[in-house]
Amino acid sequence: MHINWKSWNHVTKLDPDKHLTPDGITGVVTSGTDALMLSGTLNVTRENMQELLRQVARYGLPLVVEPAGPEAVIAEGIDFLFVPSVLNSQDVRWIIGKHQQWALQQDVMWDRVVPEAYIVLNPDSSVGKVTRSTCSLAPAEVAAYATVAENYFRFPIVYIEYSGKYGDPEVVRSVSESLGNAVLYYGGGINSAERASEMARYADTIVVGNAVYDQGIDVLKATVNAVQ
């Protein structure tokens, strides 16, 4: 079955380092979300990634693994590997270094790989700290990263990541206006229908993560209803 990831409006991000009850898992997969993304920054191992995959695989939703590094790559039993390059990182490992190590260590299933141009904008987040991202950027500077990502590097996804914090809609609007064909993802602080709706005005795909664990399934469903 061909899965068109470009048509997704709402993706739910589940963290292998966090825990949901069986009822919580059922709530997520029946929420109306378009796909599940298995992704985290801290304490992500092949073992806890596989355990999370085992919990969600039988429900038939499209499954994406977004690995934090080569050690967390799982390609069996999933539909896509969304692989980030953090364009505003000060550490080249997060732009291409870990990718080179991945190709060196494993036989990559390239037909499942979708590259993501990440722009991380919350300096207090785990991903911001780990990747040493330059986060104090004006909307035009973020949009310039997105323009280069699409037109020079040909990334099919540009991902604006505020990771736990609700971002600046003007930044997302600026990026949206700079893009032609790349799909614009937004993630960070979406914990209400209002926030989901606001960011969905500019982003093609909204990603909801922390709200699943912090606020629960009713809030997740509200964000789904706001963008579908």
Protein backbone atom coordinates (compact mmCIF):
# COMPACT_ATOMS: atom_id res chain seq x y z
CA MET A 1 0.00 0.00 0.00
CA HIS A 2 1.38 3.38 -1.00
CA ILE A 3 1.36 5.92 1.84
CA ASN A 4 1.41 9.58 0.89
CA TRP A 5 3.12 11.28 3.81
CA LYS A 6 2.80 14.65 2.07
CA SER A 7 -0.96 14.59 2.72
CA TRP A 8 -0.70 14.33 6.51
CA ASN A 9 -2.13 17.25 8.50
CA HIS A 10 -1.52 15.89 11.99
CA VAL A 11 1.26 13.67 13.33
CA THR A 12 1.56 12.43 16.91
CA LYS A 13 5.11 12.11 18.22
CA LEU A 14 5.69 9.40 20.82
CA ASP A 15 8.88 9.33 22.89
CA PRO A 16 10.55 5.95 23.57
CA ASP A 17 11.80 7.37 26.89
CA LYS A 18 8.25 8.08 28.12
CA HIS A 19 5.44 5.73 29.04
CA LEU A 20 1.79 5.41 28.04
CA THR A 21 -0.69 2.92 29.47
CA PRO A 22 -2.41 0.49 27.08
CA ASP A 23 -5.50 2.73 27.27
CA GLY A 24 -3.31 5.70 26.43
CA ILE A 25 -1.94 3.91 23.36
CA THR A 26 -5.49 3.05 22.27
CA GLY A 27 -6.50 6.68 22.73
CA VAL A 28 -3.65 7.91 20.56
CA VAL A 29 -4.22 5.49 17.68
CA THR A 30 -7.98 6.17 17.62
CA SER A 31 -7.62 9.96 17.91
CA GLY A 32 -7.77 10.59 14.17
CA THR A 33 -4.09 11.52 13.87
CA ASP A 34 -2.64 10.73 10.43
CA ALA A 35 0.54 9.01 11.58
CA LEU A 36 2.74 8.15 14.54
CA MET A 37 6.31 9.39 14.76
CA LEU A 38 8.54 7.54 17.21
CA SER A 39 11.15 10.05 18.25
CA GLY A 40 13.10 11.39 21.22
CA THR A 41 16.33 13.13 22.14
CA LEU A 42 17.40 11.67 25.49
CA ASN A 43 17.84 8.02 26.51
CA VAL A 44 16.70 6.67 23.15
CA THR A 45 18.02 3.17 22.53
CA ARG A 46 17.30 0.48 20.00
CA GLU A 47 15.62 -1.49 22.80
CA ASN A 48 13.13 1.15 23.96
CA MET A 49 12.44 2.16 20.35
CA GLN A 50 11.60 -1.45 19.50
CA GLU A 51 9.40 -1.74 22.59
CA LEU A 52 7.42 1.35 21.60
CA LEU A 53 7.14 0.05 18.04
CA ARG A 54 5.81 -3.26 19.40
CA GLN A 55 3.11 -1.40 21.35
CA VAL A 56 1.78 0.57 18.37
CA ALA A 57 2.53 -1.59 15.32
CA ARG A 58 -0.65 -3.65 15.28
CA TYR A 59 -3.02 -0.72 14.88
CA GLY A 60 -2.34 -0.03 11.21
CA LEU A 61 -1.47 3.67 11.42
CA PRO A 62 1.48 4.83 9.30
CA LEU A 63 4.64 4.58 11.40
CA VAL A 64 7.67 6.85 11.19
CA VAL A 65 10.90 6.44 13.12
CA GLU A 66 12.80 9.69 13.56
CA PRO A 67 16.17 8.61 14.97
CA ALA A 68 18.34 10.82 17.18
CA GLY A 69 21.40 8.90 15.98
CA PRO A 70 22.53 5.70 14.24
CA GLU A 71 22.03 3.69 17.42
CA ALA A 72 18.27 4.35 17.36
CA VAL A 73 17.63 3.50 13.70
CA ILE A 74 14.98 0.83 13.16
CA ALA A 75 13.77 0.22 9.62
CA GLU A 76 11.97 -3.11 9.95
CA GLY A 77 8.24 -2.88 10.58
CA ILE A 78 7.93 0.83 9.83
CA ASP A 79 6.88 2.87 6.83
CA PHE A 80 9.43 5.69 6.84
CA LEU A 81 12.62 6.92 8.44
CA PHE A 82 12.43 10.70 8.78
CA VAL A 83 16.07 11.67 9.29
CA PRO A 84 16.84 15.16 10.62
CA SER A 85 19.72 17.43 9.71
CA VAL A 86 19.78 20.37 12.13
CA LEU A 87 20.72 23.25 9.85
CA ASN A 88 21.28 25.80 12.61
CA SER A 89 23.46 23.51 14.73
CA GLN A 90 26.97 24.68 15.57
CA ASP A 91 28.09 21.03 15.60
CA VAL A 92 28.54 19.45 12.17
CA ARG A 93 27.69 16.02 13.58
CA TRP A 94 24.03 17.00 13.67
CA ILE A 95 24.08 18.24 10.08
CA ILE A 96 25.91 15.37 8.40
CA GLY A 97 28.34 13.67 10.81
CA LYS A 98 25.97 11.16 12.39
CA HIS A 99 24.58 10.41 8.95
CA GLN A 100 28.04 9.51 7.68
CA GLN A 101 28.54 7.20 10.66
CA TRP A 102 25.18 5.60 9.96
CA ALA A 103 26.16 4.83 6.35
CA LEU A 104 29.50 3.53 7.59
CA GLN A 105 27.99 1.19 10.19
CA GLN A 106 24.78 -0.07 8.57
CA ASP A 107 23.16 -1.00 5.29
CA VAL A 108 20.74 1.89 4.99
CA MET A 109 17.28 1.17 3.57
CA TRP A 110 17.31 4.30 1.46
CA ASP A 111 13.88 3.70 -0.04
CA ARG A 112 12.36 4.43 3.39
CA VAL A 113 14.42 7.53 4.15
CA VAL A 114 12.84 11.01 4.01
CA PRO A 115 15.35 13.77 4.86
CA GLU A 116 14.21 16.58 7.17
CA ALA A 117 15.78 20.03 7.37
CA TYR A 118 15.40 20.82 11.07
CA ILE A 119 15.53 24.35 12.41
CA VAL A 120 15.58 24.17 16.23
CA LEU A 121 14.41 27.36 17.93
CA ASN A 122 14.07 26.63 21.67
CA PRO A 123 17.49 27.06 23.35
CA ASP A 124 16.18 25.56 26.61
CA SER A 125 15.01 22.30 25.02
CA SER A 126 16.97 19.05 25.16
CA VAL A 127 17.35 19.03 21.39
CA GLY A 128 18.48 22.66 21.39
CA LYS A 129 21.16 21.99 23.99
CA VAL A 130 22.35 18.66 22.60
CA THR A 131 22.68 20.00 19.05
CA ARG A 132 24.07 23.40 20.15
CA SER A 133 21.60 25.15 17.91
CA THR A 134 21.69 28.89 17.29
CA CYS A 135 18.14 29.78 18.28
CA SER A 136 18.10 33.60 18.46
CA LEU A 137 17.08 34.07 14.84
CA ALA A 138 14.78 36.64 13.24
CA PRO A 139 11.93 35.36 11.03
CA ALA A 140 13.85 36.35 7.88
CA GLU A 141 16.92 34.40 9.06
CA VAL A 142 14.84 31.28 9.71
CA ALA A 143 13.17 31.67 6.32
CA ALA A 144 16.60 31.91 4.69
CA TYR A 145 17.56 28.55 6.21
CA ALA A 146 14.32 27.11 4.80
CA THR A 147 14.99 28.59 1.36
CA VAL A 148 18.46 27.05 1.26
CA ALA A 149 17.07 23.73 2.53
CA GLU A 150 14.54 23.54 -0.27
CA ASN A 151 16.34 25.09 -3.21
CA TYR A 152 19.96 24.13 -2.59
CA PHE A 153 19.87 20.92 -0.56
CA ARG A 154 16.48 19.79 -1.93
CA PHE A 155 15.09 18.69 1.41
CA PRO A 156 11.47 17.51 1.00
CA ILE A 157 10.59 18.52 4.59
CA VAL A 158 11.44 21.69 6.50
CA TYR A 159 10.72 21.19 10.20
CA ILE A 160 10.37 24.14 12.58
CA GLU A 161 11.02 22.67 16.03
CA TYR A 162 10.32 24.60 19.23
CA SER A 163 10.31 21.36 21.25
CA GLY A 164 8.10 21.88 24.30
CA LYS A 165 7.59 25.61 23.84
CA TYR A 166 4.96 27.32 21.72
CA GLY A 167 6.73 29.15 18.94
CA ASP A 168 6.31 32.43 17.11
CA PRO A 169 3.58 32.21 14.43
CA GLU A 170 5.35 35.01 12.53
CA VAL A 171 8.42 32.78 12.15
CA VAL A 172 6.29 29.94 10.81
CA ARG A 173 4.43 32.31 8.47
CA SER A 174 7.72 33.67 7.16
CA VAL A 175 9.02 30.18 6.47
CA SER A 176 5.75 29.16 4.82
CA GLU A 177 5.93 32.11 2.45
CA SER A 178 9.51 31.22 1.52
CA LEU A 179 8.76 27.63 0.50
CA GLY A 180 7.45 26.27 -2.77
CA ASN A 181 7.29 22.47 -2.79
CA ALA A 182 8.83 21.41 0.52
CA VAL A 183 6.36 20.28 3.18
CA LEU A 184 6.45 22.49 6.28
CA TYR A 185 6.26 20.73 9.63
CA TYR A 186 5.72 22.57 12.91
CA GLY A 187 6.28 21.08 16.37
CA GLY A 188 6.35 22.66 19.81
CA GLY A 189 3.86 23.54 22.53
CA ILE A 190 0.69 22.56 20.71
CA ASN A 191 -1.52 21.71 23.67
CA SER A 192 -4.87 23.15 22.58
CA ALA A 193 -7.16 23.35 19.58
CA GLU A 194 -6.46 27.11 19.35
CA ARG A 195 -2.70 26.64 19.06
CA ALA A 196 -3.11 23.80 16.57
CA SER A 197 -5.40 25.92 14.44
CA GLU A 198 -3.11 28.94 14.57
CA MET A 199 -0.01 27.07 13.43
CA ALA A 200 -1.97 25.06 10.84
CA ARG A 201 -2.66 28.34 9.04
CA TYR A 202 0.98 28.31 7.97
CA ALA A 203 2.36 24.78 8.44
CA ASP A 204 1.29 21.84 6.30
CA THR A 205 1.70 19.33 9.12
CA ILE A 206 1.29 19.85 12.86
CA VAL A 207 3.20 17.61 15.27
CA VAL A 208 1.85 17.04 18.78
CA GLY A 209 4.08 15.33 21.33
CA ASN A 210 4.35 16.48 24.93
CA ALA A 211 0.64 17.22 25.22
CA VAL A 212 -0.11 13.50 24.90
CA TYR A 213 1.80 12.84 28.11
CA ASP A 214 1.12 16.09 29.96
CA GLN A 215 -2.53 16.82 29.12
CA GLY A 216 -3.92 13.54 27.84
CA ILE A 217 -5.92 12.11 24.99
CA ASP A 218 -8.81 14.60 25.02
CA VAL A 219 -6.40 17.43 24.25
CA LEU A 220 -4.77 15.36 21.51
CA LYS A 221 -8.18 14.77 19.92
CA ALA A 222 -8.94 18.49 20.14
CA THR A 223 -5.77 19.28 18.18
CA VAL A 224 -6.69 16.66 15.58
CA ASN A 225 -10.17 18.12 15.14
CA ALA A 226 -8.71 21.61 14.79
CA VAL A 227 -6.58 20.72 11.76
CA GLN A 228 -8.45 17.90 9.99
